[in-house]
Every structure is written in structure tokens, then in C-alpha cells.
Amino acid sequence: MEEDNVNININDESVENPFARSGLARSPTEQNQQKQQQQREQQDREKELHEQQKREQEQCEQQQRGQSKVEAAKTVADELREFVDKRHNVHKDIKDLVTRIQGSLGSAIKDWRRLMQRAEAAESELAVTKNALAAAVLQQAKTGTAPGRGTNTDEPT
């Protein structure tokens, strides 16, 4: 066999490197642009989520302004009850606890309303008594007698 002496010049430009990654490399500006775009999208999502949470909180606060704290807690317990009832994989003890909380808050609301009615009744009775006392003072001022003492028993009639 004859040996073939083949001289391959590695520095020759006509021979291409089969392992070269031509065309696959990205320019740094494209990478930066993509990262910046992703960051902007992430910031937009976070901003939108924050605004949504803020709107929900404002709505909740507006609803609670017209209610007492007990009524607001009852509303939250009702929402929790709706959430738990929709789920089948919630532990039975949690469902029972939600039911007990809901019942407790219902009783608290009834007691609170009864107390508020009693307070309103007491205020109205106080107003009536105040008006009656003011009328009595005016009447006694016109007649010249001291309030609460009635007629003077020392003077002969």
C-alpha cells in the first residue's frame, strides 16, 4: 500500500470548521431586549395584580363602612362558608368549624341588634324626660317657685 501524503492546511480559509456555531449565537442586544420585555411584562402583571387587590380591598371597606365589625365578620364567615361548600377536598373538621363560627357570629349580631334597640329606647326615654324636665323648669320659672320643691309650706295661705 502506498501511503498518501495529504497535506491539509488548517489555516486555509476554504476549509470550514464543522464544529463552528455560526448563525446560532444571539447578539447581546437581542438578549437584553428580551429580558427587558420580560421584566416589563412581569412589572405590568404585578401592577395589575396590586391594583386588583386594592380595588377588592376598597370594595370590602365600602361594604364594611355601613356595617358593624360583627356584621362585617359575619359577611366574611359567609364568604368562607360559600368557598368551603364548593370544595369537596376540604377536611370535615374545617367545615364544622366554619359552621360554628357562622352560628356564633349570627348570635352575636342578634345580641348586638337587641343591645342597639335597648340603647335607642333608653335615648328616646332620656329625651322625653329631658323635655318634660325643661317644661317643668319653665313652668316653675313663670310661677316663681323653686324647681322640685313644690309649694312653700312656711308661708301662711
N, C-alpha and C. Protein backbone atom coordinates (compact mmCIF):
# COMPACT_ATOMS: atom_id res chain seq x y z
N MET A 1 0.80 -1.17 0.00
CA MET A 1 0.00 0.00 0.00
C MET A 1 0.85 1.23 0.00
N GLU A 2 0.38 2.04 -0.73
CA GLU A 2 1.12 3.29 -0.79
C GLU A 2 0.48 4.29 0.14
N GLU A 3 1.33 4.96 0.77
CA GLU A 3 0.82 5.99 1.67
C GLU A 3 0.57 7.26 0.89
N ASP A 4 -0.62 7.80 1.15
CA ASP A 4 -0.94 9.08 0.52
C ASP A 4 -0.55 10.18 1.47
N ASN A 5 0.27 10.98 1.04
CA ASN A 5 0.64 12.13 1.85
C ASN A 5 -0.26 13.29 1.47
N VAL A 6 -1.24 13.47 2.33
CA VAL A 6 -2.16 14.56 2.08
C VAL A 6 -1.86 15.65 3.11
N ASN A 7 -1.52 16.75 2.59
CA ASN A 7 -1.26 17.90 3.47
C ASN A 7 -2.50 18.78 3.52
N ILE A 8 -3.03 18.86 4.70
CA ILE A 8 -4.20 19.73 4.87
C ILE A 8 -3.73 20.93 5.66
N ASN A 9 -3.96 22.04 5.10
CA ASN A 9 -3.59 23.29 5.75
C ASN A 9 -4.79 23.75 6.59
N ILE A 10 -4.58 23.77 7.88
CA ILE A 10 -5.67 24.15 8.79
C ILE A 10 -5.98 25.63 8.66
N ASN A 11 -5.08 26.41 8.35
CA ASN A 11 -5.28 27.85 8.23
C ASN A 11 -5.91 28.23 6.90
N ASP A 12 -6.15 27.28 6.08
CA ASP A 12 -6.74 27.55 4.78
C ASP A 12 -8.19 28.00 4.97
N GLU A 13 -8.61 29.08 4.37
CA GLU A 13 -9.94 29.64 4.53
C GLU A 13 -10.99 28.84 3.78
N SER A 14 -10.60 28.04 2.86
CA SER A 14 -11.57 27.28 2.08
C SER A 14 -12.15 26.11 2.88
N VAL A 15 -11.45 25.67 3.91
CA VAL A 15 -11.92 24.57 4.73
C VAL A 15 -12.71 25.15 5.91
N GLU A 16 -13.96 24.69 6.09
CA GLU A 16 -14.80 25.19 7.17
C GLU A 16 -14.72 24.28 8.37
N ASN A 17 -14.84 24.87 9.52
CA ASN A 17 -14.81 24.11 10.75
C ASN A 17 -16.19 23.47 10.94
N PRO A 18 -16.28 22.15 11.00
CA PRO A 18 -17.60 21.52 11.12
C PRO A 18 -18.22 21.73 12.50
N PHE A 19 -17.46 22.14 13.48
CA PHE A 19 -17.97 22.34 14.83
C PHE A 19 -18.30 23.80 15.14
N ALA A 20 -18.13 24.65 14.19
CA ALA A 20 -18.40 26.07 14.40
C ALA A 20 -19.90 26.28 14.55
N ARG A 21 -20.29 27.24 15.40
CA ARG A 21 -21.71 27.53 15.67
C ARG A 21 -22.10 28.83 14.98
N SER A 22 -21.96 28.85 13.72
CA SER A 22 -22.29 30.08 13.01
C SER A 22 -23.80 30.22 12.90
N GLY A 23 -24.25 31.42 13.09
CA GLY A 23 -25.67 31.70 12.95
C GLY A 23 -26.48 31.36 14.19
N LEU A 24 -25.95 30.66 15.16
CA LEU A 24 -26.70 30.30 16.34
C LEU A 24 -26.52 31.30 17.48
N ALA A 25 -25.47 32.05 17.45
CA ALA A 25 -25.20 32.99 18.53
C ALA A 25 -26.14 34.18 18.40
N ARG A 26 -26.67 34.62 19.55
CA ARG A 26 -27.55 35.79 19.57
C ARG A 26 -26.72 36.99 19.97
N SER A 27 -27.13 38.07 19.43
CA SER A 27 -26.41 39.28 19.80
C SER A 27 -26.85 39.70 21.20
N PRO A 28 -25.99 40.33 21.96
CA PRO A 28 -26.34 40.76 23.31
C PRO A 28 -27.52 41.71 23.34
N THR A 29 -27.70 42.50 22.31
CA THR A 29 -28.81 43.45 22.31
C THR A 29 -30.15 42.72 22.25
N GLU A 30 -30.24 41.64 21.51
CA GLU A 30 -31.47 40.88 21.44
C GLU A 30 -31.79 40.25 22.79
N GLN A 31 -30.77 39.74 23.45
CA GLN A 31 -30.98 39.14 24.76
C GLN A 31 -31.43 40.20 25.77
N ASN A 32 -30.81 41.35 25.72
CA ASN A 32 -31.20 42.43 26.63
C ASN A 32 -32.62 42.88 26.35
N GLN A 33 -32.97 42.98 25.07
CA GLN A 33 -34.31 43.39 24.72
C GLN A 33 -35.34 42.38 25.22
N GLN A 34 -35.03 41.12 25.08
CA GLN A 34 -35.95 40.09 25.55
C GLN A 34 -36.10 40.14 27.07
N LYS A 35 -34.97 40.31 27.76
CA LYS A 35 -35.02 40.39 29.23
C LYS A 35 -35.82 41.62 29.67
N GLN A 36 -35.57 42.74 29.00
CA GLN A 36 -36.30 43.96 29.35
C GLN A 36 -37.80 43.79 29.09
N GLN A 37 -38.14 43.14 27.98
CA GLN A 37 -39.54 42.90 27.66
C GLN A 37 -40.18 42.00 28.72
N GLN A 38 -39.48 40.97 29.12
CA GLN A 38 -39.99 40.07 30.15
C GLN A 38 -40.16 40.80 31.49
N GLN A 39 -39.18 41.66 31.81
CA GLN A 39 -39.28 42.43 33.05
C GLN A 39 -40.47 43.38 33.01
N ARG A 40 -40.68 44.03 31.85
CA ARG A 40 -41.82 44.93 31.72
C ARG A 40 -43.14 44.17 31.87
N GLU A 41 -43.21 43.01 31.24
CA GLU A 41 -44.42 42.20 31.35
C GLU A 41 -44.66 41.77 32.79
N GLN A 42 -43.60 41.38 33.48
CA GLN A 42 -43.72 40.98 34.88
C GLN A 42 -44.17 42.16 35.73
N GLN A 43 -43.60 43.33 35.50
CA GLN A 43 -44.00 44.52 36.24
C GLN A 43 -45.45 44.88 35.96
N ASP A 44 -45.86 44.75 34.70
CA ASP A 44 -47.25 45.04 34.36
C ASP A 44 -48.20 44.07 35.07
N ARG A 45 -47.82 42.78 35.10
CA ARG A 45 -48.65 41.79 35.79
C ARG A 45 -48.74 42.10 37.28
N GLU A 46 -47.60 42.43 37.89
CA GLU A 46 -47.58 42.76 39.32
C GLU A 46 -48.41 44.02 39.60
N LYS A 47 -48.28 45.01 38.73
CA LYS A 47 -49.03 46.24 38.90
C LYS A 47 -50.53 45.98 38.78
N GLU A 48 -50.92 45.18 37.81
CA GLU A 48 -52.32 44.84 37.61
C GLU A 48 -52.86 44.06 38.81
N LEU A 49 -52.08 43.12 39.31
CA LEU A 49 -52.48 42.34 40.48
C LEU A 49 -52.63 43.24 41.70
N HIS A 50 -51.68 44.16 41.88
CA HIS A 50 -51.73 45.09 43.01
C HIS A 50 -52.98 45.97 42.90
N GLU A 51 -53.28 46.47 41.70
CA GLU A 51 -54.45 47.32 41.52
C GLU A 51 -55.74 46.54 41.78
N GLN A 52 -55.76 45.27 41.34
CA GLN A 52 -56.94 44.44 41.58
C GLN A 52 -57.15 44.21 43.07
N GLN A 53 -56.05 43.92 43.78
CA GLN A 53 -56.16 43.72 45.22
C GLN A 53 -56.62 45.00 45.92
N LYS A 54 -56.12 46.13 45.44
CA LYS A 54 -56.50 47.41 46.02
C LYS A 54 -57.99 47.68 45.79
N ARG A 55 -58.48 47.39 44.57
CA ARG A 55 -59.91 47.57 44.29
C ARG A 55 -60.77 46.67 45.16
N GLU A 56 -60.36 45.42 45.31
CA GLU A 56 -61.11 44.49 46.15
C GLU A 56 -61.13 44.95 47.61
N GLN A 57 -59.99 45.45 48.08
CA GLN A 57 -59.92 45.94 49.45
C GLN A 57 -60.82 47.16 49.63
N GLU A 58 -60.84 48.07 48.64
CA GLU A 58 -61.69 49.24 48.73
C GLU A 58 -63.16 48.84 48.73
N GLN A 59 -63.52 47.87 47.89
CA GLN A 59 -64.90 47.40 47.87
C GLN A 59 -65.29 46.80 49.21
N CYS A 60 -64.38 46.03 49.77
CA CYS A 60 -64.64 45.41 51.07
C CYS A 60 -64.81 46.48 52.14
N GLU A 61 -63.96 47.49 52.12
CA GLU A 61 -64.04 48.58 53.10
C GLU A 61 -65.34 49.36 52.94
N GLN A 62 -65.77 49.57 51.69
CA GLN A 62 -67.02 50.28 51.45
C GLN A 62 -68.20 49.48 51.98
N GLN A 63 -68.15 48.18 51.81
CA GLN A 63 -69.23 47.34 52.32
C GLN A 63 -69.24 47.36 53.84
N GLN A 64 -68.06 47.38 54.44
CA GLN A 64 -67.96 47.31 55.89
C GLN A 64 -68.27 48.63 56.56
N ARG A 65 -68.20 49.73 55.83
CA ARG A 65 -68.49 51.04 56.43
C ARG A 65 -69.93 51.11 56.91
N GLY A 66 -70.82 50.49 56.17
CA GLY A 66 -72.22 50.51 56.53
C GLY A 66 -72.56 49.46 57.58
N GLN A 67 -71.62 48.65 57.99
CA GLN A 67 -71.87 47.56 58.91
C GLN A 67 -71.03 47.73 60.17
N SER A 68 -71.47 47.04 61.21
CA SER A 68 -70.62 46.98 62.39
C SER A 68 -69.53 45.97 62.14
N LYS A 69 -68.58 45.89 63.03
CA LYS A 69 -67.49 44.93 62.87
C LYS A 69 -68.00 43.50 62.98
N VAL A 70 -69.01 43.30 63.80
CA VAL A 70 -69.58 41.96 63.94
C VAL A 70 -70.27 41.56 62.64
N GLU A 71 -71.02 42.49 62.05
CA GLU A 71 -71.68 42.19 60.78
C GLU A 71 -70.66 41.95 59.68
N ALA A 72 -69.56 42.71 59.69
CA ALA A 72 -68.51 42.50 58.69
C ALA A 72 -67.88 41.12 58.86
N ALA A 73 -67.67 40.71 60.11
CA ALA A 73 -67.12 39.38 60.36
C ALA A 73 -68.10 38.31 59.91
N LYS A 74 -69.37 38.54 60.09
CA LYS A 74 -70.40 37.59 59.62
C LYS A 74 -70.35 37.49 58.10
N THR A 75 -70.17 38.60 57.42
CA THR A 75 -70.07 38.59 55.97
C THR A 75 -68.87 37.77 55.52
N VAL A 76 -67.75 37.96 56.18
CA VAL A 76 -66.54 37.19 55.84
C VAL A 76 -66.76 35.71 56.11
N ALA A 77 -67.43 35.39 57.22
CA ALA A 77 -67.70 33.99 57.54
C ALA A 77 -68.63 33.38 56.49
N ASP A 78 -69.60 34.15 56.02
CA ASP A 78 -70.49 33.65 54.97
C ASP A 78 -69.72 33.38 53.68
N GLU A 79 -68.79 34.29 53.34
CA GLU A 79 -67.97 34.09 52.15
C GLU A 79 -67.10 32.84 52.29
N LEU A 80 -66.56 32.64 53.50
CA LEU A 80 -65.75 31.45 53.75
C LEU A 80 -66.61 30.20 53.63
N ARG A 81 -67.83 30.27 54.14
CA ARG A 81 -68.74 29.13 54.05
C ARG A 81 -69.01 28.78 52.58
N GLU A 82 -69.28 29.78 51.76
CA GLU A 82 -69.51 29.53 50.34
C GLU A 82 -68.29 28.89 49.69
N PHE A 83 -67.11 29.38 50.05
CA PHE A 83 -65.87 28.85 49.49
C PHE A 83 -65.68 27.39 49.89
N VAL A 84 -65.91 27.09 51.17
CA VAL A 84 -65.69 25.73 51.67
C VAL A 84 -66.73 24.77 51.11
N ASP A 85 -67.96 25.23 50.98
CA ASP A 85 -69.02 24.34 50.48
C ASP A 85 -68.78 23.92 49.03
N LYS A 86 -68.12 24.74 48.26
CA LYS A 86 -67.85 24.41 46.86
C LYS A 86 -66.77 23.35 46.71
N ARG A 87 -65.95 23.18 47.73
CA ARG A 87 -64.82 22.26 47.64
C ARG A 87 -65.19 20.92 48.26
N HIS A 88 -64.79 19.84 47.62
CA HIS A 88 -65.05 18.51 48.15
C HIS A 88 -63.86 17.97 48.93
N ASN A 89 -62.70 18.54 48.73
CA ASN A 89 -61.50 18.01 49.38
C ASN A 89 -61.13 18.78 50.64
N VAL A 90 -62.07 19.52 51.22
CA VAL A 90 -61.81 20.25 52.45
C VAL A 90 -62.15 19.33 53.61
N HIS A 91 -61.32 19.32 54.60
CA HIS A 91 -61.48 18.44 55.75
C HIS A 91 -62.79 18.74 56.47
N LYS A 92 -63.46 17.70 56.94
CA LYS A 92 -64.77 17.83 57.59
C LYS A 92 -64.70 18.71 58.83
N ASP A 93 -63.61 18.62 59.59
CA ASP A 93 -63.48 19.46 60.79
C ASP A 93 -63.45 20.94 60.44
N ILE A 94 -62.85 21.28 59.31
CA ILE A 94 -62.82 22.68 58.88
C ILE A 94 -64.23 23.15 58.54
N LYS A 95 -64.98 22.30 57.83
CA LYS A 95 -66.36 22.67 57.50
C LYS A 95 -67.19 22.85 58.77
N ASP A 96 -67.00 21.97 59.76
CA ASP A 96 -67.72 22.10 61.02
C ASP A 96 -67.33 23.38 61.75
N LEU A 97 -66.06 23.71 61.71
CA LEU A 97 -65.59 24.94 62.35
C LEU A 97 -66.20 26.16 61.69
N VAL A 98 -66.29 26.17 60.38
CA VAL A 98 -66.90 27.29 59.67
C VAL A 98 -68.36 27.42 60.07
N THR A 99 -69.05 26.29 60.20
CA THR A 99 -70.45 26.32 60.60
C THR A 99 -70.60 26.90 62.01
N ARG A 100 -69.73 26.50 62.93
CA ARG A 100 -69.79 27.02 64.29
C ARG A 100 -69.49 28.51 64.34
N ILE A 101 -68.50 28.94 63.56
CA ILE A 101 -68.17 30.38 63.51
C ILE A 101 -69.36 31.16 62.98
N GLN A 102 -69.96 30.65 61.94
CA GLN A 102 -71.09 31.33 61.33
C GLN A 102 -72.25 31.44 62.33
N GLY A 103 -72.52 30.37 63.07
CA GLY A 103 -73.57 30.40 64.08
C GLY A 103 -73.26 31.38 65.20
N SER A 104 -72.02 31.38 65.66
CA SER A 104 -71.61 32.29 66.73
C SER A 104 -71.78 33.74 66.31
N LEU A 105 -71.37 34.04 65.10
CA LEU A 105 -71.50 35.42 64.63
C LEU A 105 -72.96 35.80 64.44
N GLY A 106 -73.77 34.85 64.01
CA GLY A 106 -75.20 35.12 63.88
C GLY A 106 -75.81 35.48 65.23
N SER A 107 -75.45 34.72 66.27
CA SER A 107 -75.93 35.02 67.62
C SER A 107 -75.41 36.37 68.11
N ALA A 108 -74.15 36.65 67.81
CA ALA A 108 -73.57 37.93 68.23
C ALA A 108 -74.27 39.10 67.57
N ILE A 109 -74.63 38.93 66.31
CA ILE A 109 -75.34 40.00 65.60
C ILE A 109 -76.71 40.23 66.22
N LYS A 110 -77.41 39.15 66.54
CA LYS A 110 -78.73 39.30 67.17
C LYS A 110 -78.60 40.01 68.51
N ASP A 111 -77.61 39.62 69.33
CA ASP A 111 -77.39 40.28 70.62
C ASP A 111 -77.05 41.75 70.44
N TRP A 112 -76.21 42.03 69.46
CA TRP A 112 -75.80 43.42 69.21
C TRP A 112 -76.99 44.26 68.80
N ARG A 113 -77.84 43.71 67.91
CA ARG A 113 -79.01 44.45 67.47
C ARG A 113 -79.98 44.70 68.63
N ARG A 114 -80.16 43.69 69.51
CA ARG A 114 -81.01 43.87 70.69
C ARG A 114 -80.45 44.97 71.58
N LEU A 115 -79.13 44.96 71.76
CA LEU A 115 -78.49 45.98 72.58
C LEU A 115 -78.66 47.37 71.97
N MET A 116 -78.53 47.45 70.66
CA MET A 116 -78.71 48.74 69.99
C MET A 116 -80.16 49.23 70.13
N GLN A 117 -81.13 48.32 70.05
CA GLN A 117 -82.52 48.71 70.24
C GLN A 117 -82.76 49.21 71.66
N ARG A 118 -82.18 48.53 72.63
CA ARG A 118 -82.31 48.98 74.02
C ARG A 118 -81.68 50.35 74.21
N ALA A 119 -80.52 50.55 73.58
CA ALA A 119 -79.85 51.85 73.70
C ALA A 119 -80.70 52.95 73.05
N GLU A 120 -81.29 52.66 71.90
CA GLU A 120 -82.15 53.66 71.25
C GLU A 120 -83.38 53.96 72.10
N ALA A 121 -83.96 52.92 72.72
CA ALA A 121 -85.12 53.13 73.58
C ALA A 121 -84.73 53.98 74.79
N ALA A 122 -83.58 53.70 75.38
CA ALA A 122 -83.12 54.49 76.52
C ALA A 122 -82.86 55.93 76.12
N GLU A 123 -82.30 56.14 74.94
CA GLU A 123 -82.05 57.51 74.46
C GLU A 123 -83.37 58.25 74.25
N SER A 124 -84.36 57.58 73.69
CA SER A 124 -85.63 58.25 73.46
C SER A 124 -86.33 58.57 74.79
N GLU A 125 -86.25 57.64 75.76
CA GLU A 125 -86.81 57.93 77.09
C GLU A 125 -86.08 59.09 77.75
N LEU A 126 -84.78 59.14 77.57
CA LEU A 126 -84.00 60.24 78.13
C LEU A 126 -84.40 61.56 77.49
N ALA A 127 -84.63 61.55 76.20
CA ALA A 127 -85.05 62.78 75.52
C ALA A 127 -86.42 63.23 76.01
N VAL A 128 -87.33 62.28 76.21
CA VAL A 128 -88.66 62.62 76.71
C VAL A 128 -88.55 63.21 78.12
N THR A 129 -87.75 62.57 78.97
CA THR A 129 -87.56 63.05 80.34
C THR A 129 -86.92 64.43 80.35
N LYS A 130 -85.96 64.64 79.48
CA LYS A 130 -85.29 65.94 79.38
C LYS A 130 -86.28 67.02 78.99
N ASN A 131 -87.11 66.71 77.99
CA ASN A 131 -88.10 67.70 77.55
C ASN A 131 -89.12 67.99 78.66
N ALA A 132 -89.54 66.94 79.37
CA ALA A 132 -90.50 67.13 80.47
C ALA A 132 -89.88 67.98 81.58
N LEU A 133 -88.63 67.71 81.91
CA LEU A 133 -87.94 68.48 82.94
C LEU A 133 -87.76 69.93 82.52
N ALA A 134 -87.42 70.14 81.25
CA ALA A 134 -87.26 71.51 80.75
C ALA A 134 -88.59 72.25 80.82
N ALA A 135 -89.68 71.57 80.48
CA ALA A 135 -91.00 72.21 80.54
C ALA A 135 -91.37 72.54 81.98
N ALA A 136 -91.03 71.63 82.90
CA ALA A 136 -91.34 71.88 84.32
C ALA A 136 -90.53 73.06 84.84
N VAL A 137 -89.29 73.17 84.46
CA VAL A 137 -88.44 74.28 84.89
C VAL A 137 -89.01 75.59 84.36
N LEU A 138 -89.45 75.63 83.11
CA LEU A 138 -90.03 76.84 82.54
C LEU A 138 -91.33 77.22 83.27
N GLN A 139 -92.13 76.21 83.57
CA GLN A 139 -93.39 76.47 84.27
C GLN A 139 -93.12 77.03 85.66
N GLN A 140 -92.15 76.47 86.36
CA GLN A 140 -91.84 76.95 87.70
C GLN A 140 -91.18 78.31 87.67
N ALA A 141 -90.43 78.59 86.60
CA ALA A 141 -89.83 79.92 86.49
C ALA A 141 -90.90 80.97 86.31
N LYS A 142 -91.96 80.62 85.62
CA LYS A 142 -93.06 81.56 85.43
C LYS A 142 -93.83 81.78 86.72
N THR A 143 -94.00 80.75 87.52
CA THR A 143 -94.78 80.87 88.77
C THR A 143 -93.91 81.35 89.92
N GLY A 144 -92.59 81.25 89.82
CA GLY A 144 -91.69 81.76 90.84
C GLY A 144 -91.35 80.76 91.92
N THR A 145 -91.66 79.52 91.76
CA THR A 145 -91.31 78.52 92.76
C THR A 145 -90.01 77.83 92.36
N ALA A 146 -89.32 77.31 93.34
CA ALA A 146 -88.06 76.60 93.08
C ALA A 146 -88.37 75.24 92.46
N PRO A 147 -87.58 74.81 91.51
CA PRO A 147 -87.87 73.52 90.87
C PRO A 147 -87.70 72.38 91.84
N GLY A 148 -88.66 71.45 91.82
CA GLY A 148 -88.58 70.24 92.61
C GLY A 148 -89.05 70.41 94.04
N ARG A 149 -89.39 71.59 94.47
CA ARG A 149 -89.78 71.79 95.86
C ARG A 149 -91.29 71.93 96.01
N GLY A 150 -91.97 72.18 94.96
CA GLY A 150 -93.43 72.36 95.06
C GLY A 150 -93.75 73.70 95.70
N THR A 151 -94.80 73.73 96.54
CA THR A 151 -95.21 74.99 97.18
C THR A 151 -94.46 75.19 98.47
N ASN A 152 -94.31 76.43 98.88
CA ASN A 152 -93.65 76.78 100.12
C ASN A 152 -94.62 76.59 101.29
N THR A 153 -94.32 75.73 102.26
CA THR A 153 -95.23 75.45 103.38
C THR A 153 -95.01 76.41 104.55
N ASP A 154 -93.96 77.21 104.52
CA ASP A 154 -93.69 78.13 105.62
C ASP A 154 -94.61 79.34 105.59
N GLU A 155 -95.06 79.71 104.45
CA GLU A 155 -95.90 80.90 104.34
C GLU A 155 -97.36 80.54 104.62
N PRO A 156 -98.05 81.41 105.35
CA PRO A 156 -99.46 81.14 105.56
C PRO A 156 -100.25 81.39 104.29
N THR A 157 -101.24 80.61 104.08
CA THR A 157 -102.06 80.79 102.89
C THR A 157 -103.30 81.55 103.14
